[in-house]
Amino acid sequence: MTPIPVLWRCPIACVVSKPAGLATQAAADIPSLERRLIDEAVTTDGTDANRFETPYLALPHRLDRCVGGVILVARSKRAARLLGQQFETRKVSKSYVAWVEGEPISADELASSQGGWVTWRDRLRKLSGKPKAELLAVDAPDEADAKEAITLVRIARRRGGFTLLEMRPQTGRMHQLRVQTARRGAPIVGDRLYEARENAAWQAEAERIVAGGDAIALHAVRIGFHDPSTSRWVEVDDLPSWGRTQNGSSPETPMEAAGAAANDMADWRVGAEDLTSDLTTAAPVV
């Protein structure tokens, strides 16, 4: 089994790339990122600079099972406390990229945007007894279980009836990005829980990424935080698996099957240079 990639590390924390299809945390008998990291920490002798030296770890945030990307890992109790405080006070910046069906941002929203960035402000609650969340009307009466969900959104590119979004959540609600896009008529590609259409081309790509195809076209591509060992600001990037070619390299330009129907697009990959360039666009402060 391929070890979990470690993208950045300091003496008391690290950033890893969680594969789509793997739970962040789960019961002991269910495969999870947490269990994999502990197992790898226990079995390494510490000579490989890309691995852990101690089995202690804590995860101050999570990604859904079907979502891949960057996750911060605390390797000491001090790091867990410091990173937890950063999340609680919204000092951590997170960027995601996603292919969605159609286009969730209207011309009017773009016209009034700040540098192409649109702010989505919604109220979200978990549906009782269901694995889903829902948005409530902004002007609906307050409900005790509803919480504000804020996301900055920008169109990175359009292709064949689909839109690549960069999304920077300012809050951390359950399925926040998945619900906000779906309720605007643009579910994330492959996200059947939120009524994305069946798409054979994406399913083939998802099965290439992970056995069983338990992946949606949403990836945590960047995280920014203060290094708990030095207090310096750090940003770590991770290109999505669907941003790589078959041999792992990145294409210079996005590829598209000529004449493919909108719901049969055969390639979802995005070049690393293109994606990194997209992520440099400054977002407004909310």
Protein backbone atom coordinates (compact mmCIF):
# COMPACT_ATOMS: atom_id res chain seq x y z
CA MET A 1 0.00 0.00 0.00
CA THR A 2 1.38 3.43 -0.97
CA PRO A 3 2.23 5.54 2.11
CA ILE A 4 0.20 8.69 2.72
CA PRO A 5 2.17 11.56 1.10
CA VAL A 6 3.62 14.07 3.56
CA LEU A 7 3.68 17.47 1.83
CA TRP A 8 5.17 19.59 4.61
CA ARG A 9 6.44 19.01 8.11
CA CYS A 10 7.91 20.74 11.15
CA PRO A 11 8.99 19.13 14.44
CA ILE A 12 5.44 19.08 15.84
CA ALA A 13 3.07 19.09 12.85
CA CYS A 14 2.75 18.14 9.22
CA VAL A 15 0.45 18.43 6.22
CA VAL A 16 -0.54 15.27 4.36
CA SER A 17 -2.53 14.52 1.21
CA LYS A 18 -5.64 12.50 2.01
CA PRO A 19 -6.76 10.28 -0.86
CA ALA A 20 -10.39 10.47 -1.93
CA GLY A 21 -12.29 7.37 -0.83
CA LEU A 22 -10.62 7.22 2.58
CA ALA A 23 -12.42 8.45 5.71
CA THR A 24 -10.54 11.02 7.78
CA GLN A 25 -11.49 9.29 11.02
CA ALA A 26 -13.57 6.16 11.62
CA ALA A 27 -14.14 3.21 13.93
CA ALA A 28 -11.15 0.91 14.40
CA ASP A 29 -12.43 -1.67 11.91
CA ILE A 30 -12.96 0.88 9.11
CA PRO A 31 -10.00 2.14 7.01
CA SER A 32 -9.21 5.78 7.76
CA LEU A 33 -6.50 8.38 7.32
CA GLU A 34 -5.98 8.51 11.08
CA ARG A 35 -5.42 4.73 11.29
CA ARG A 36 -3.11 4.73 8.27
CA LEU A 37 -0.98 7.52 9.71
CA ILE A 38 -0.69 5.79 13.08
CA ASP A 39 0.26 2.50 11.43
CA GLU A 40 2.87 4.18 9.26
CA ALA A 41 4.28 6.06 12.25
CA VAL A 42 4.61 2.85 14.25
CA THR A 43 6.24 0.88 11.44
CA THR A 44 8.82 3.46 10.34
CA ASP A 45 12.26 3.65 11.95
CA GLY A 46 12.44 7.42 11.47
CA THR A 47 15.24 7.33 8.89
CA ASP A 48 12.98 8.44 6.05
CA ALA A 49 12.57 12.23 6.22
CA ASN A 50 9.13 11.91 4.65
CA ARG A 51 7.68 9.85 7.52
CA PHE A 52 6.78 10.24 11.17
CA GLU A 53 9.08 9.53 14.11
CA THR A 54 6.35 9.16 16.78
CA PRO A 55 2.85 7.69 16.71
CA TYR A 56 1.14 10.65 18.42
CA LEU A 57 -1.22 12.55 16.15
CA ALA A 58 -4.39 14.62 16.28
CA LEU A 59 -6.50 15.87 13.38
CA PRO A 60 -7.88 19.40 13.95
CA HIS A 61 -10.14 19.24 10.88
CA ARG A 62 -11.64 16.72 8.46
CA LEU A 63 -12.46 16.11 4.81
CA ASP A 64 -15.42 14.06 3.62
CA ARG A 65 -14.59 10.50 2.59
CA CYS A 66 -15.19 11.27 -1.10
CA VAL A 67 -12.96 14.38 -1.04
CA GLY A 68 -9.18 14.37 -1.30
CA GLY A 69 -6.60 16.98 -0.45
CA VAL A 70 -4.56 18.70 2.22
CA ILE A 71 -5.07 17.94 5.90
CA LEU A 72 -3.16 19.35 8.85
CA VAL A 73 -1.87 16.84 11.39
CA ALA A 74 -0.71 17.73 14.90
CA ARG A 75 2.18 15.58 16.12
CA SER A 76 2.17 16.83 19.71
CA LYS A 77 -0.39 18.01 22.24
CA ARG A 78 1.02 21.53 21.99
CA ALA A 79 0.55 21.54 18.21
CA ALA A 80 -2.97 20.18 18.59
CA ARG A 81 -3.84 23.04 20.94
CA LEU A 82 -2.24 25.75 18.78
CA LEU A 83 -3.72 24.50 15.51
CA GLY A 84 -7.11 24.00 17.15
CA GLN A 85 -7.05 27.64 18.26
CA GLN A 86 -6.29 28.76 14.70
CA PHE A 87 -9.31 26.89 13.38
CA GLU A 88 -11.55 28.22 16.14
CA THR A 89 -10.54 31.82 15.42
CA ARG A 90 -10.67 31.36 11.62
CA LYS A 91 -6.95 32.00 11.16
CA VAL A 92 -6.58 29.02 8.80
CA SER A 93 -7.17 29.67 5.09
CA LYS A 94 -8.47 26.85 2.89
CA SER A 95 -8.89 26.69 -0.88
CA TYR A 96 -10.77 24.03 -2.84
CA VAL A 97 -11.25 23.43 -6.53
CA ALA A 98 -14.29 21.69 -7.97
CA TRP A 99 -15.87 20.89 -11.29
CA VAL A 100 -19.59 21.63 -11.13
CA GLU A 101 -22.45 21.08 -13.54
CA GLY A 102 -23.47 24.26 -15.33
CA GLU A 103 -22.61 27.64 -13.85
CA PRO A 104 -23.68 28.67 -10.32
CA ILE A 105 -22.66 32.34 -10.57
CA SER A 106 -24.96 34.69 -12.46
CA ALA A 107 -23.89 37.54 -14.73
CA ASP A 108 -25.28 40.03 -12.20
CA GLU A 109 -23.20 38.48 -9.42
CA LEU A 110 -20.07 38.66 -11.57
CA ALA A 111 -20.78 42.27 -12.49
CA SER A 112 -20.87 43.28 -8.83
CA SER A 113 -18.04 41.00 -7.70
CA GLN A 114 -14.69 42.03 -6.26
CA GLY A 115 -12.09 40.89 -8.75
CA GLY A 116 -14.29 38.00 -9.83
CA TRP A 117 -14.92 36.80 -6.27
CA VAL A 118 -18.52 36.30 -5.17
CA THR A 119 -19.53 35.80 -1.54
CA TRP A 120 -22.12 33.13 -0.78
CA ARG A 121 -23.82 33.67 2.57
CA ASP A 122 -26.28 30.98 3.57
CA ARG A 123 -27.73 29.30 6.62
CA LEU A 124 -27.16 25.58 6.81
CA ARG A 125 -28.36 22.75 9.01
CA LYS A 126 -27.95 18.98 9.09
CA LEU A 127 -31.04 16.99 8.22
CA SER A 128 -32.01 14.86 11.19
CA GLY A 129 -31.48 11.16 10.60
CA LYS A 130 -29.98 11.68 7.14
CA PRO A 131 -26.40 11.88 5.82
CA LYS A 132 -27.17 15.26 4.23
CA ALA A 133 -27.34 18.93 5.07
CA GLU A 134 -29.63 21.61 3.66
CA LEU A 135 -29.63 25.35 3.14
CA LEU A 136 -32.36 27.50 4.60
CA ALA A 137 -33.67 30.70 3.08
CA VAL A 138 -31.62 33.65 4.30
CA ASP A 139 -34.76 35.39 5.53
CA ALA A 140 -36.27 32.27 7.15
CA PRO A 141 -36.99 32.39 10.89
CA ASP A 142 -33.98 31.51 13.00
CA GLU A 143 -33.69 27.87 13.97
CA ALA A 144 -31.47 26.63 16.76
CA ASP A 145 -29.72 24.06 14.56
CA ALA A 146 -29.05 26.41 11.62
CA LYS A 147 -25.60 27.99 11.27
CA GLU A 148 -24.19 30.61 8.94
CA ALA A 149 -22.17 29.26 6.00
CA ILE A 150 -19.90 31.69 4.14
CA THR A 151 -17.82 30.87 1.07
CA LEU A 152 -15.84 33.01 -1.38
CA VAL A 153 -16.24 31.64 -4.90
CA ARG A 154 -14.52 32.40 -8.20
CA ILE A 155 -14.81 30.93 -11.69
CA ALA A 156 -11.42 29.55 -12.73
CA ARG A 157 -12.52 28.27 -16.15
CA ARG A 158 -15.41 26.90 -18.16
CA ARG A 159 -15.44 23.83 -20.36
CA GLY A 160 -18.17 21.91 -22.17
CA GLY A 161 -21.07 22.91 -19.93
CA PHE A 162 -19.05 22.52 -16.72
CA THR A 163 -17.38 25.14 -14.54
CA LEU A 164 -14.18 24.85 -12.53
CA LEU A 165 -14.60 26.82 -9.31
CA GLU A 166 -12.13 27.92 -6.72
CA MET A 167 -13.85 28.09 -3.34
CA ARG A 168 -12.52 29.48 -0.10
CA PRO A 169 -14.81 28.58 2.81
CA GLN A 170 -14.84 31.07 5.66
CA THR A 171 -16.83 28.71 7.89
CA GLY A 172 -16.62 24.95 8.32
CA ARG A 173 -20.12 23.50 8.12
CA MET A 174 -21.05 19.93 7.24
CA HIS A 175 -20.90 19.45 3.45
CA GLN A 176 -20.81 23.25 3.09
CA LEU A 177 -19.39 23.48 -0.43
CA ARG A 178 -21.38 20.51 -1.68
CA VAL A 179 -24.67 21.97 -0.46
CA GLN A 180 -24.00 25.53 -1.57
CA THR A 181 -23.21 24.52 -5.14
CA ALA A 182 -26.08 22.03 -5.38
CA ARG A 183 -28.65 24.52 -4.16
CA ARG A 184 -27.54 26.92 -6.88
CA GLY A 185 -28.30 24.32 -9.52
CA ALA A 186 -24.68 23.29 -10.01
CA PRO A 187 -23.88 20.15 -8.01
CA ILE A 188 -20.29 18.97 -7.88
CA VAL A 189 -19.59 16.42 -10.58
CA GLY A 190 -20.00 12.90 -9.22
CA ASP A 191 -21.79 14.00 -6.05
CA ARG A 192 -24.87 11.79 -6.27
CA LEU A 193 -25.81 12.53 -2.64
CA TYR A 194 -26.61 16.06 -3.78
CA GLU A 195 -28.26 15.03 -7.03
CA ALA A 196 -25.42 15.31 -9.53
CA ARG A 197 -26.28 13.58 -12.80
CA GLU A 198 -24.85 10.19 -13.68
CA ASN A 199 -21.69 10.77 -15.66
CA ALA A 200 -19.87 7.80 -17.14
CA ALA A 201 -16.79 9.83 -18.03
CA TRP A 202 -16.36 11.09 -14.48
CA GLN A 203 -17.06 7.65 -13.01
CA ALA A 204 -14.23 6.23 -15.10
CA GLU A 205 -11.94 8.99 -13.83
CA ALA A 206 -13.06 8.40 -10.23
CA GLU A 207 -12.35 4.68 -10.52
CA ARG A 208 -8.89 5.53 -11.84
CA ILE A 209 -8.33 7.60 -8.70
CA VAL A 210 -9.73 5.17 -6.12
CA ALA A 211 -11.02 1.61 -6.12
CA GLY A 212 -14.80 1.68 -6.12
CA GLY A 213 -14.92 5.19 -7.55
CA ASP A 214 -15.85 6.84 -4.22
CA ALA A 215 -14.65 10.29 -5.29
CA ILE A 216 -16.25 13.55 -6.34
CA ALA A 217 -14.67 16.39 -8.31
CA LEU A 218 -13.83 18.42 -5.19
CA HIS A 219 -10.32 18.72 -3.81
CA ALA A 220 -8.75 20.63 -0.92
CA VAL A 221 -5.95 22.16 -2.92
CA ARG A 222 -4.34 24.62 -0.49
CA ILE A 223 -4.14 25.28 3.24
CA GLY A 224 -2.52 28.26 4.95
CA PHE A 225 -1.73 28.45 8.67
CA HIS A 226 0.82 29.59 11.22
CA ASP A 227 3.53 26.99 11.79
CA PRO A 228 2.94 25.94 15.42
CA SER A 229 6.69 25.61 15.98
CA THR A 230 7.74 29.05 14.64
CA SER A 231 4.51 31.08 14.17
CA ARG A 232 5.52 31.75 10.55
CA TRP A 233 2.79 31.72 7.91
CA VAL A 234 2.88 28.58 5.75
CA GLU A 235 0.91 27.65 2.63
CA VAL A 236 0.88 24.10 1.28
CA ASP A 237 -0.59 23.06 -2.09
CA ASP A 238 -1.76 19.69 -3.38
CA LEU A 239 -2.79 19.05 -6.99
CA PRO A 240 -5.87 16.82 -7.23
CA SER A 241 -5.50 13.31 -8.60
CA TRP A 242 -7.78 14.37 -11.43
CA GLY A 243 -5.24 17.13 -12.11
CA ARG A 244 -2.63 14.61 -13.23
CA THR A 245 -2.15 12.55 -16.33
CA GLN A 246 -2.07 8.76 -16.25
CA ASN A 247 1.66 8.66 -15.45
CA GLY A 248 1.39 11.26 -12.68
CA SER A 249 2.77 14.23 -14.61
CA SER A 250 0.77 17.40 -15.23
CA PRO A 251 -0.33 18.41 -18.73
CA GLU A 252 0.72 21.84 -19.95
CA THR A 253 -2.82 22.69 -20.96
CA PRO A 254 -6.22 21.28 -20.03
CA MET A 255 -7.27 18.48 -22.37
CA GLU A 256 -10.73 18.06 -23.78
CA ALA A 257 -12.24 15.36 -26.00
CA ALA A 258 -13.21 17.00 -29.28
CA GLY A 259 -16.94 17.10 -29.81
CA ALA A 260 -17.75 15.47 -26.46
CA ALA A 261 -21.25 16.08 -25.18
CA ALA A 262 -21.51 18.24 -22.08
CA ASN A 263 -22.42 15.29 -19.86
CA ASP A 264 -19.83 12.98 -21.43
CA MET A 265 -16.69 15.09 -21.09
CA ALA A 266 -13.80 12.65 -21.12
CA ASP A 267 -11.10 14.60 -19.30
CA TRP A 268 -11.20 16.54 -16.05
CA ARG A 269 -7.50 17.22 -15.69
CA VAL A 270 -5.99 20.61 -15.02
CA GLY A 271 -2.32 21.52 -15.51
CA ALA A 272 -0.31 22.18 -12.36
CA GLU A 273 0.97 25.53 -13.64
CA ASP A 274 -2.54 26.60 -14.63
CA LEU A 275 -3.94 25.62 -11.25
CA THR A 276 -1.17 27.32 -9.28
CA SER A 277 -1.69 30.47 -11.33
CA ASP A 278 -5.43 30.34 -10.62
CA LEU A 279 -4.79 30.15 -6.88
CA THR A 280 -2.71 33.34 -6.76
CA THR A 281 -5.75 35.58 -7.26
CA ALA A 282 -6.36 37.62 -4.11
CA ALA A 283 -9.75 37.19 -2.47
CA PRO A 284 -11.68 39.92 -0.62
CA VAL A 285 -11.83 39.95 3.16
CA VAL A 286 -15.23 39.08 4.63
